[in-house]
Amino acid sequence: MTNYVVLNDNEHAKLKIVTERSASYGDGVKYTMTFPFEFRNIQACYPIFFHKDPESGAFYPVALFGFEDNENLFLSESGWDASYVPVMIKRQPFLIGFQQDADDPEAKNAVVSIDLDNPRVNEQEGEPLFLEHGGSSEFLQKATANLELIHQANEHSKKFIEALIEHDLLESFTLNIELNDGSANQLLGFYTINEDTVQQLSGEVLENLNQNGFLQPIFMVLASHSCLRNLIEMKNLRS
């Protein structure tokens, strides 16, 4: 369960955020949403696939961390063992929201919300959100900038997905994995980019994709699939 409230320095002046990475702090997840702007960093560490929201039917890109529910193979006793941590992981326990503008009924103002029930949130240890004599801490300023970046990236990501669907580039797939101990794992419910279809696109379509900033992310997704070998090996070491 979550308990998001609008963050303010009066009620939450003493709050601190634990920044270490651990399953006990909510990092034990199989995958997280990612965005085209960070694909270059993501593809160096994680396979990128696509997931379909069962309620809305909308697709969104994800970085894969494991093969089972609540499995993050990048977590260890020392923290998060990868050179890059996705922005949607780093944003916890914050969320950007919108409130009605009191002076303009047609406008909404962005506000920072915090999940008070998140295990990272406390008053004893971690990074303070506010300075002793008022004002936001450097940590909170960076967190807020990260939320704004996510908000902006979300719109570009939606257009990216629309382009993939328009050109019939997404396809579902099933990945069967046999580990060294003989056990079998199956990755279901994800989608990927059909490389053969990409190669058949006309020069005009490729140019249009490039002009809209979509072509490089497509190749980053395809390149990320090489990370599956590392993920399988990490799974083998823990099986």
C-alpha atoms as a PDB file:
ATOM      1  CA  MET A   1       0.000   0.000   0.000  1.00  0.00           C
ATOM      2  CA  THR A   2       1.052   3.585  -0.560  1.00  0.00           C
ATOM      3  CA  ASN A   3       0.241   6.766   1.290  1.00  0.00           C
ATOM      4  CA  TYR A   4       1.115   9.701  -0.969  1.00  0.00           C
ATOM      5  CA  VAL A   5       0.747  13.221   0.400  1.00  0.00           C
ATOM      6  CA  VAL A   6       1.910  16.570  -0.960  1.00  0.00           C
ATOM      7  CA  LEU A   7       5.339  17.326   0.468  1.00  0.00           C
ATOM      8  CA  ASN A   8       5.706  20.518   2.509  1.00  0.00           C
ATOM      9  CA  ASP A   9       8.336  21.876   4.882  1.00  0.00           C
ATOM     10  CA  ASN A  10       5.896  22.433   7.747  1.00  0.00           C
ATOM     11  CA  GLU A  11       4.612  18.899   8.225  1.00  0.00           C
ATOM     12  CA  HIS A  12       7.647  17.085   6.870  1.00  0.00           C
ATOM     13  CA  ALA A  13      10.566  19.190   8.113  1.00  0.00           C
ATOM     14  CA  LYS A  14      12.192  16.273   9.951  1.00  0.00           C
ATOM     15  CA  LEU A  15      11.827  13.619   7.271  1.00  0.00           C
ATOM     16  CA  LYS A  16      14.862  11.787   5.939  1.00  0.00           C
ATOM     17  CA  ILE A  17      15.300   9.296   3.099  1.00  0.00           C
ATOM     18  CA  VAL A  18      17.416   6.156   3.208  1.00  0.00           C
ATOM     19  CA  THR A  19      19.323   5.939  -0.101  1.00  0.00           C
ATOM     20  CA  GLU A  20      20.936   2.499   0.133  1.00  0.00           C
ATOM     21  CA  ARG A  21      19.665  -0.178  -2.258  1.00  0.00           C
ATOM     22  CA  SER A  22      18.001  -3.257  -0.802  1.00  0.00           C
ATOM     23  CA  ALA A  23      14.970  -5.479  -1.274  1.00  0.00           C
ATOM     24  CA  SER A  24      13.838  -4.379   2.173  1.00  0.00           C
ATOM     25  CA  TYR A  25      13.513  -0.836   0.793  1.00  0.00           C
ATOM     26  CA  GLY A  26      11.421  -1.876  -2.189  1.00  0.00           C
ATOM     27  CA  ASP A  27      14.142  -2.566  -4.758  1.00  0.00           C
ATOM     28  CA  GLY A  28      13.306  -6.257  -5.111  1.00  0.00           C
ATOM     29  CA  VAL A  29      11.415  -5.871  -8.384  1.00  0.00           C
ATOM     30  CA  LYS A  30      11.533  -7.897 -11.593  1.00  0.00           C
ATOM     31  CA  TYR A  31      11.532  -4.831 -13.852  1.00  0.00           C
ATOM     32  CA  THR A  32      10.884  -1.112 -13.913  1.00  0.00           C
ATOM     33  CA  MET A  33       9.593   1.389 -16.442  1.00  0.00           C
ATOM     34  CA  THR A  34      12.291   3.159 -18.415  1.00  0.00           C
ATOM     35  CA  PHE A  35      12.397   5.961 -20.987  1.00  0.00           C
ATOM     36  CA  PRO A  36      14.101   6.449 -24.380  1.00  0.00           C
ATOM     37  CA  PHE A  37      16.303   9.266 -23.054  1.00  0.00           C
ATOM     38  CA  GLU A  38      18.089   6.789 -20.756  1.00  0.00           C
ATOM     39  CA  PHE A  39      18.193   3.811 -23.140  1.00  0.00           C
ATOM     40  CA  ARG A  40      21.897   4.378 -23.867  1.00  0.00           C
ATOM     41  CA  ASN A  41      22.708   3.823 -20.184  1.00  0.00           C
ATOM     42  CA  ILE A  42      20.071   1.136 -19.687  1.00  0.00           C
ATOM     43  CA  GLN A  43      21.216  -1.011 -22.622  1.00  0.00           C
ATOM     44  CA  ALA A  44      24.713  -1.221 -21.152  1.00  0.00           C
ATOM     45  CA  CYS A  45      23.329  -3.050 -18.100  1.00  0.00           C
ATOM     46  CA  TYR A  46      19.820  -4.395 -18.672  1.00  0.00           C
ATOM     47  CA  PRO A  47      17.676  -5.947 -21.411  1.00  0.00           C
ATOM     48  CA  ILE A  48      14.963  -3.550 -22.596  1.00  0.00           C
ATOM     49  CA  PHE A  49      11.555  -4.975 -23.423  1.00  0.00           C
ATOM     50  CA  PHE A  50       7.993  -3.665 -23.462  1.00  0.00           C
ATOM     51  CA  HIS A  51       5.088  -4.395 -21.166  1.00  0.00           C
ATOM     52  CA  LYS A  52       1.376  -3.945 -21.819  1.00  0.00           C
ATOM     53  CA  ASP A  53      -0.759  -2.485 -19.060  1.00  0.00           C
ATOM     54  CA  PRO A  54      -3.613  -4.986 -18.512  1.00  0.00           C
ATOM     55  CA  GLU A  55      -6.122  -2.235 -17.709  1.00  0.00           C
ATOM     56  CA  SER A  56      -5.366   0.529 -20.212  1.00  0.00           C
ATOM     57  CA  GLY A  57      -3.754  -1.631 -22.890  1.00  0.00           C
ATOM     58  CA  ALA A  58      -0.927   0.910 -23.173  1.00  0.00           C
ATOM     59  CA  PHE A  59       2.617  -0.253 -23.873  1.00  0.00           C
ATOM     60  CA  TYR A  60       5.651   1.058 -22.033  1.00  0.00           C
ATOM     61  CA  PRO A  61       9.361   0.137 -22.112  1.00  0.00           C
ATOM     62  CA  VAL A  62      10.910  -1.675 -19.161  1.00  0.00           C
ATOM     63  CA  ALA A  63      14.374  -2.591 -17.930  1.00  0.00           C
ATOM     64  CA  LEU A  64      14.473  -6.262 -16.892  1.00  0.00           C
ATOM     65  CA  PHE A  65      16.196  -7.262 -13.620  1.00  0.00           C
ATOM     66  CA  GLY A  66      15.142 -10.894 -13.210  1.00  0.00           C
ATOM     67  CA  PHE A  67      12.975 -13.767 -14.394  1.00  0.00           C
ATOM     68  CA  GLU A  68      10.693 -14.311 -11.391  1.00  0.00           C
ATOM     69  CA  ASP A  69       8.330 -12.029  -9.506  1.00  0.00           C
ATOM     70  CA  ASN A  70      10.154  -9.806  -6.982  1.00  0.00           C
ATOM     71  CA  GLU A  71      13.511 -10.985  -8.301  1.00  0.00           C
ATOM     72  CA  ASN A  72      16.212  -8.369  -8.821  1.00  0.00           C
ATOM     73  CA  LEU A  73      19.462 -10.123  -9.715  1.00  0.00           C
ATOM     74  CA  PHE A  74      21.351  -6.848  -9.458  1.00  0.00           C
ATOM     75  CA  LEU A  75      20.830  -6.612  -5.715  1.00  0.00           C
ATOM     76  CA  SER A  76      23.504  -7.982  -3.397  1.00  0.00           C
ATOM     77  CA  GLU A  77      24.713  -7.401   0.148  1.00  0.00           C
ATOM     78  CA  SER A  78      26.756  -4.465  -1.158  1.00  0.00           C
ATOM     79  CA  GLY A  79      23.784  -2.782  -2.817  1.00  0.00           C
ATOM     80  CA  TRP A  80      22.938  -2.414  -6.501  1.00  0.00           C
ATOM     81  CA  ASP A  81      25.562  -4.091  -8.687  1.00  0.00           C
ATOM     82  CA  ALA A  82      25.283  -2.128 -11.915  1.00  0.00           C
ATOM     83  CA  SER A  83      26.888   1.046 -13.230  1.00  0.00           C
ATOM     84  CA  TYR A  84      23.508   2.709 -13.827  1.00  0.00           C
ATOM     85  CA  VAL A  85      20.317   2.745 -11.742  1.00  0.00           C
ATOM     86  CA  PRO A  86      17.131   3.571 -13.723  1.00  0.00           C
ATOM     87  CA  VAL A  87      15.433   6.881 -12.915  1.00  0.00           C
ATOM     88  CA  MET A  88      12.179   5.187 -11.904  1.00  0.00           C
ATOM     89  CA  ILE A  89      14.091   3.298  -9.223  1.00  0.00           C
ATOM     90  CA  LYS A  90      15.926   6.409  -8.036  1.00  0.00           C
ATOM     91  CA  ARG A  91      12.710   8.441  -7.799  1.00  0.00           C
ATOM     92  CA  GLN A  92      11.358   6.448  -4.846  1.00  0.00           C
ATOM     93  CA  PRO A  93       9.655   7.469  -2.565  1.00  0.00           C
ATOM     94  CA  PHE A  94       8.603  10.549  -4.540  1.00  0.00           C
ATOM     95  CA  LEU A  95       5.970  11.132  -7.183  1.00  0.00           C
ATOM     96  CA  ILE A  96       5.094  14.182  -9.224  1.00  0.00           C
ATOM     97  CA  GLY A  97       1.459  15.196  -9.098  1.00  0.00           C
ATOM     98  CA  PHE A  98      -0.747  18.050 -10.178  1.00  0.00           C
ATOM     99  CA  GLN A  99      -3.057  20.389  -8.299  1.00  0.00           C
ATOM    100  CA  GLN A 100      -5.681  22.751  -9.635  1.00  0.00           C
ATOM    101  CA  ASP A 101      -4.418  26.316  -9.926  1.00  0.00           C
ATOM    102  CA  ALA A 102      -6.433  28.526  -7.572  1.00  0.00           C
ATOM    103  CA  ASP A 103      -6.256  31.470  -9.985  1.00  0.00           C
ATOM    104  CA  ASP A 104      -6.781  29.573 -13.232  1.00  0.00           C
ATOM    105  CA  PRO A 105      -9.391  26.769 -13.271  1.00  0.00           C
ATOM    106  CA  GLU A 106      -7.979  25.410 -16.535  1.00  0.00           C
ATOM    107  CA  ALA A 107      -4.403  25.197 -15.262  1.00  0.00           C
ATOM    108  CA  LYS A 108      -2.695  22.694 -12.980  1.00  0.00           C
ATOM    109  CA  ASN A 109       0.486  23.105 -10.971  1.00  0.00           C
ATOM    110  CA  ALA A 110       3.065  20.369 -10.548  1.00  0.00           C
ATOM    111  CA  VAL A 111       3.661  19.333  -6.929  1.00  0.00           C
ATOM    112  CA  VAL A 112       5.994  16.830  -5.296  1.00  0.00           C
ATOM    113  CA  SER A 113       4.311  14.052  -3.329  1.00  0.00           C
ATOM    114  CA  ILE A 114       5.923  11.570  -0.968  1.00  0.00           C
ATOM    115  CA  ASP A 115       4.849   8.092   0.078  1.00  0.00           C
ATOM    116  CA  LEU A 116       4.888   8.259   3.874  1.00  0.00           C
ATOM    117  CA  ASP A 117       4.518   4.467   4.100  1.00  0.00           C
ATOM    118  CA  ASN A 118       7.625   3.820   2.013  1.00  0.00           C
ATOM    119  CA  PRO A 119      10.275   2.064   4.163  1.00  0.00           C
ATOM    120  CA  ARG A 120      12.867   4.635   3.077  1.00  0.00           C
ATOM    121  CA  VAL A 121      10.969   7.427   4.838  1.00  0.00           C
ATOM    122  CA  ASN A 122      11.850   8.083   8.478  1.00  0.00           C
ATOM    123  CA  GLU A 123      13.129  10.764  10.862  1.00  0.00           C
ATOM    124  CA  GLN A 124      16.273   9.040  12.146  1.00  0.00           C
ATOM    125  CA  GLU A 125      18.632   8.247   9.263  1.00  0.00           C
ATOM    126  CA  GLY A 126      19.336   9.130   5.654  1.00  0.00           C
ATOM    127  CA  GLU A 127      19.285  12.288   3.578  1.00  0.00           C
ATOM    128  CA  PRO A 128      17.279  15.207   5.025  1.00  0.00           C
ATOM    129  CA  LEU A 129      14.633  16.770   2.795  1.00  0.00           C
ATOM    130  CA  PHE A 130      14.768  20.236   4.303  1.00  0.00           C
ATOM    131  CA  LEU A 131      17.486  22.420   5.780  1.00  0.00           C
ATOM    132  CA  GLU A 132      17.494  23.154   9.479  1.00  0.00           C
ATOM    133  CA  HIS A 133      16.654  26.823   8.992  1.00  0.00           C
ATOM    134  CA  GLY A 134      14.310  26.355   6.052  1.00  0.00           C
ATOM    135  CA  GLY A 135      14.555  25.603   2.368  1.00  0.00           C
ATOM    136  CA  SER A 136      14.989  22.414   0.374  1.00  0.00           C
ATOM    137  CA  SER A 137      18.099  20.285   0.796  1.00  0.00           C
ATOM    138  CA  GLU A 138      20.363  19.514  -2.138  1.00  0.00           C
ATOM    139  CA  PHE A 139      19.022  15.955  -2.061  1.00  0.00           C
ATOM    140  CA  LEU A 140      15.426  17.150  -2.438  1.00  0.00           C
ATOM    141  CA  GLN A 141      16.395  19.566  -5.219  1.00  0.00           C
ATOM    142  CA  LYS A 142      17.967  16.704  -7.177  1.00  0.00           C
ATOM    143  CA  ALA A 143      14.941  14.488  -6.515  1.00  0.00           C
ATOM    144  CA  THR A 144      12.605  17.211  -7.761  1.00  0.00           C
ATOM    145  CA  ALA A 145      14.689  17.720 -10.908  1.00  0.00           C
ATOM    146  CA  ASN A 146      14.535  13.966 -11.478  1.00  0.00           C
ATOM    147  CA  LEU A 147      10.729  14.003 -11.212  1.00  0.00           C
ATOM    148  CA  GLU A 148      10.484  16.849 -13.713  1.00  0.00           C
ATOM    149  CA  LEU A 149      12.718  14.902 -16.084  1.00  0.00           C
ATOM    150  CA  ILE A 150      10.467  11.840 -15.766  1.00  0.00           C
ATOM    151  CA  HIS A 151       7.388  13.930 -16.482  1.00  0.00           C
ATOM    152  CA  GLN A 152       8.923  15.356 -19.650  1.00  0.00           C
ATOM    153  CA  ALA A 153      10.308  11.981 -20.729  1.00  0.00           C
ATOM    154  CA  ASN A 154       6.916  10.334 -20.361  1.00  0.00           C
ATOM    155  CA  GLU A 155       5.427  12.394 -23.197  1.00  0.00           C
ATOM    156  CA  HIS A 156       8.303  11.540 -25.539  1.00  0.00           C
ATOM    157  CA  SER A 157       8.022   7.878 -24.580  1.00  0.00           C
ATOM    158  CA  LYS A 158       4.318   7.819 -25.478  1.00  0.00           C
ATOM    159  CA  LYS A 159       5.082   9.206 -28.943  1.00  0.00           C
ATOM    160  CA  PHE A 160       7.886   6.647 -29.325  1.00  0.00           C
ATOM    161  CA  ILE A 161       5.438   3.820 -28.558  1.00  0.00           C
ATOM    162  CA  GLU A 162       2.903   5.278 -31.004  1.00  0.00           C
ATOM    163  CA  ALA A 163       5.553   5.192 -33.733  1.00  0.00           C
ATOM    164  CA  LEU A 164       6.413   1.569 -32.962  1.00  0.00           C
ATOM    165  CA  ILE A 165       2.751   0.580 -33.160  1.00  0.00           C
ATOM    166  CA  GLU A 166       2.180   2.600 -36.334  1.00  0.00           C
ATOM    167  CA  HIS A 167       4.930   0.694 -38.128  1.00  0.00           C
ATOM    168  CA  ASP A 168       4.021  -2.682 -36.603  1.00  0.00           C
ATOM    169  CA  LEU A 169       7.377  -3.023 -34.860  1.00  0.00           C
ATOM    170  CA  LEU A 170       6.210  -4.555 -31.569  1.00  0.00           C
ATOM    171  CA  GLU A 171       5.718  -8.296 -31.178  1.00  0.00           C
ATOM    172  CA  SER A 172       5.092 -10.573 -28.206  1.00  0.00           C
ATOM    173  CA  PHE A 173       7.640 -13.251 -27.388  1.00  0.00           C
ATOM    174  CA  THR A 174       8.303 -16.107 -24.994  1.00  0.00           C
ATOM    175  CA  LEU A 175      11.798 -16.807 -23.705  1.00  0.00           C
ATOM    176  CA  ASN A 176      12.558 -20.307 -22.430  1.00  0.00           C
ATOM    177  CA  ILE A 177      15.645 -20.539 -20.232  1.00  0.00           C
ATOM    178  CA  GLU A 178      17.266 -23.718 -18.956  1.00  0.00           C
ATOM    179  CA  LEU A 179      19.720 -23.105 -16.134  1.00  0.00           C
ATOM    180  CA  ASN A 180      22.881 -25.052 -15.376  1.00  0.00           C
ATOM    181  CA  ASP A 181      21.119 -26.935 -12.583  1.00  0.00           C
ATOM    182  CA  GLY A 182      18.553 -28.239 -15.076  1.00  0.00           C
ATOM    183  CA  SER A 183      15.690 -26.039 -13.865  1.00  0.00           C
ATOM    184  CA  ALA A 184      13.601 -24.175 -16.419  1.00  0.00           C
ATOM    185  CA  ASN A 185      12.489 -20.560 -16.417  1.00  0.00           C
ATOM    186  CA  GLN A 186      10.078 -18.939 -18.815  1.00  0.00           C
ATOM    187  CA  LEU A 187       9.749 -15.218 -19.496  1.00  0.00           C
ATOM    188  CA  LEU A 188       6.178 -14.384 -20.485  1.00  0.00           C
ATOM    189  CA  GLY A 189       4.057 -11.291 -20.989  1.00  0.00           C
ATOM    190  CA  PHE A 190       6.649  -9.063 -22.637  1.00  0.00           C
ATOM    191  CA  TYR A 191       7.044  -7.564 -26.081  1.00  0.00           C
ATOM    192  CA  THR A 192      10.064  -6.682 -28.146  1.00  0.00           C
ATOM    193  CA  ILE A 193      10.955  -4.903 -31.389  1.00  0.00           C
ATOM    194  CA  ASN A 194      10.917  -7.101 -34.482  1.00  0.00           C
ATOM    195  CA  GLU A 195      14.365  -6.608 -35.985  1.00  0.00           C
ATOM    196  CA  ASP A 196      13.344  -8.068 -39.362  1.00  0.00           C
ATOM    197  CA  THR A 197      10.531  -5.521 -39.659  1.00  0.00           C
ATOM    198  CA  VAL A 198      12.946  -2.698 -38.824  1.00  0.00           C
ATOM    199  CA  GLN A 199      15.255  -3.805 -41.632  1.00  0.00           C
ATOM    200  CA  GLN A 200      12.356  -3.710 -44.099  1.00  0.00           C
ATOM    201  CA  LEU A 201      11.378  -0.113 -43.316  1.00  0.00           C
ATOM    202  CA  SER A 202      11.708   2.331 -46.188  1.00  0.00           C
ATOM    203  CA  GLY A 203      14.305   5.077 -46.212  1.00  0.00           C
ATOM    204  CA  GLU A 204      11.564   7.656 -45.817  1.00  0.00           C
ATOM    205  CA  VAL A 205      10.191   5.975 -42.688  1.00  0.00           C
ATOM    206  CA  LEU A 206      13.675   5.585 -41.211  1.00  0.00           C
ATOM    207  CA  GLU A 207      14.402   9.249 -41.850  1.00  0.00           C
ATOM    208  CA  ASN A 208      11.131  10.242 -40.183  1.00  0.00           C
ATOM    209  CA  LEU A 209      11.885   8.071 -37.167  1.00  0.00           C
ATOM    210  CA  ASN A 210      15.329   9.606 -36.929  1.00  0.00           C
ATOM    211  CA  GLN A 211      14.024  13.170 -37.149  1.00  0.00           C
ATOM    212  CA  ASN A 212      11.654  12.484 -34.271  1.00  0.00           C
ATOM    213  CA  GLY A 213      14.395  10.975 -32.104  1.00  0.00           C
ATOM    214  CA  PHE A 214      13.003   7.442 -32.316  1.00  0.00           C
ATOM    215  CA  LEU A 215      15.571   5.619 -34.440  1.00  0.00           C
ATOM    216  CA  GLN A 216      18.412   5.564 -31.931  1.00  0.00           C
ATOM    217  CA  PRO A 217      16.163   4.227 -29.136  1.00  0.00           C
ATOM    218  CA  ILE A 218      15.071   1.411 -31.457  1.00  0.00           C
ATOM    219  CA  PHE A 219      18.679   0.352 -31.971  1.00  0.00           C
ATOM    220  CA  MET A 220      19.389   0.733 -28.243  1.00  0.00           C
ATOM    221  CA  VAL A 221      16.545  -1.715 -27.516  1.00  0.00           C
ATOM    222  CA  LEU A 222      17.923  -4.236 -30.000  1.00  0.00           C
ATOM    223  CA  ALA A 223      21.450  -3.831 -28.631  1.00  0.00           C
ATOM    224  CA  SER A 224      20.215  -4.368 -25.068  1.00  0.00           C
ATOM    225  CA  HIS A 225      19.184  -7.938 -25.829  1.00  0.00           C
ATOM    226  CA  SER A 226      22.832  -8.971 -25.493  1.00  0.00           C
ATOM    227  CA  CYS A 227      22.426  -8.287 -21.753  1.00  0.00           C
ATOM    228  CA  LEU A 228      20.188 -11.338 -21.498  1.00  0.00           C
ATOM    229  CA  ARG A 229      23.286 -13.537 -21.475  1.00  0.00           C
ATOM    230  CA  ASN A 230      24.631 -11.704 -18.429  1.00  0.00           C
ATOM    231  CA  LEU A 231      21.256 -11.899 -16.698  1.00  0.00           C
ATOM    232  CA  ILE A 232      21.062 -15.653 -17.280  1.00  0.00           C
ATOM    233  CA  GLU A 233      24.579 -16.093 -15.948  1.00  0.00           C
ATOM    234  CA  MET A 234      23.668 -14.076 -12.836  1.00  0.00           C
ATOM    235  CA  LYS A 235      20.673 -16.365 -12.381  1.00  0.00           C
ATOM    236  CA  ASN A 236      22.903 -19.436 -12.772  1.00  0.00           C
ATOM    237  CA  LEU A 237      25.234 -18.173 -10.048  1.00  0.00           C
ATOM    238  CA  ARG A 238      22.317 -17.926  -7.610  1.00  0.00           C
ATOM    239  CA  SER A 239      20.573 -21.165  -8.502  1.00  0.00           C
END
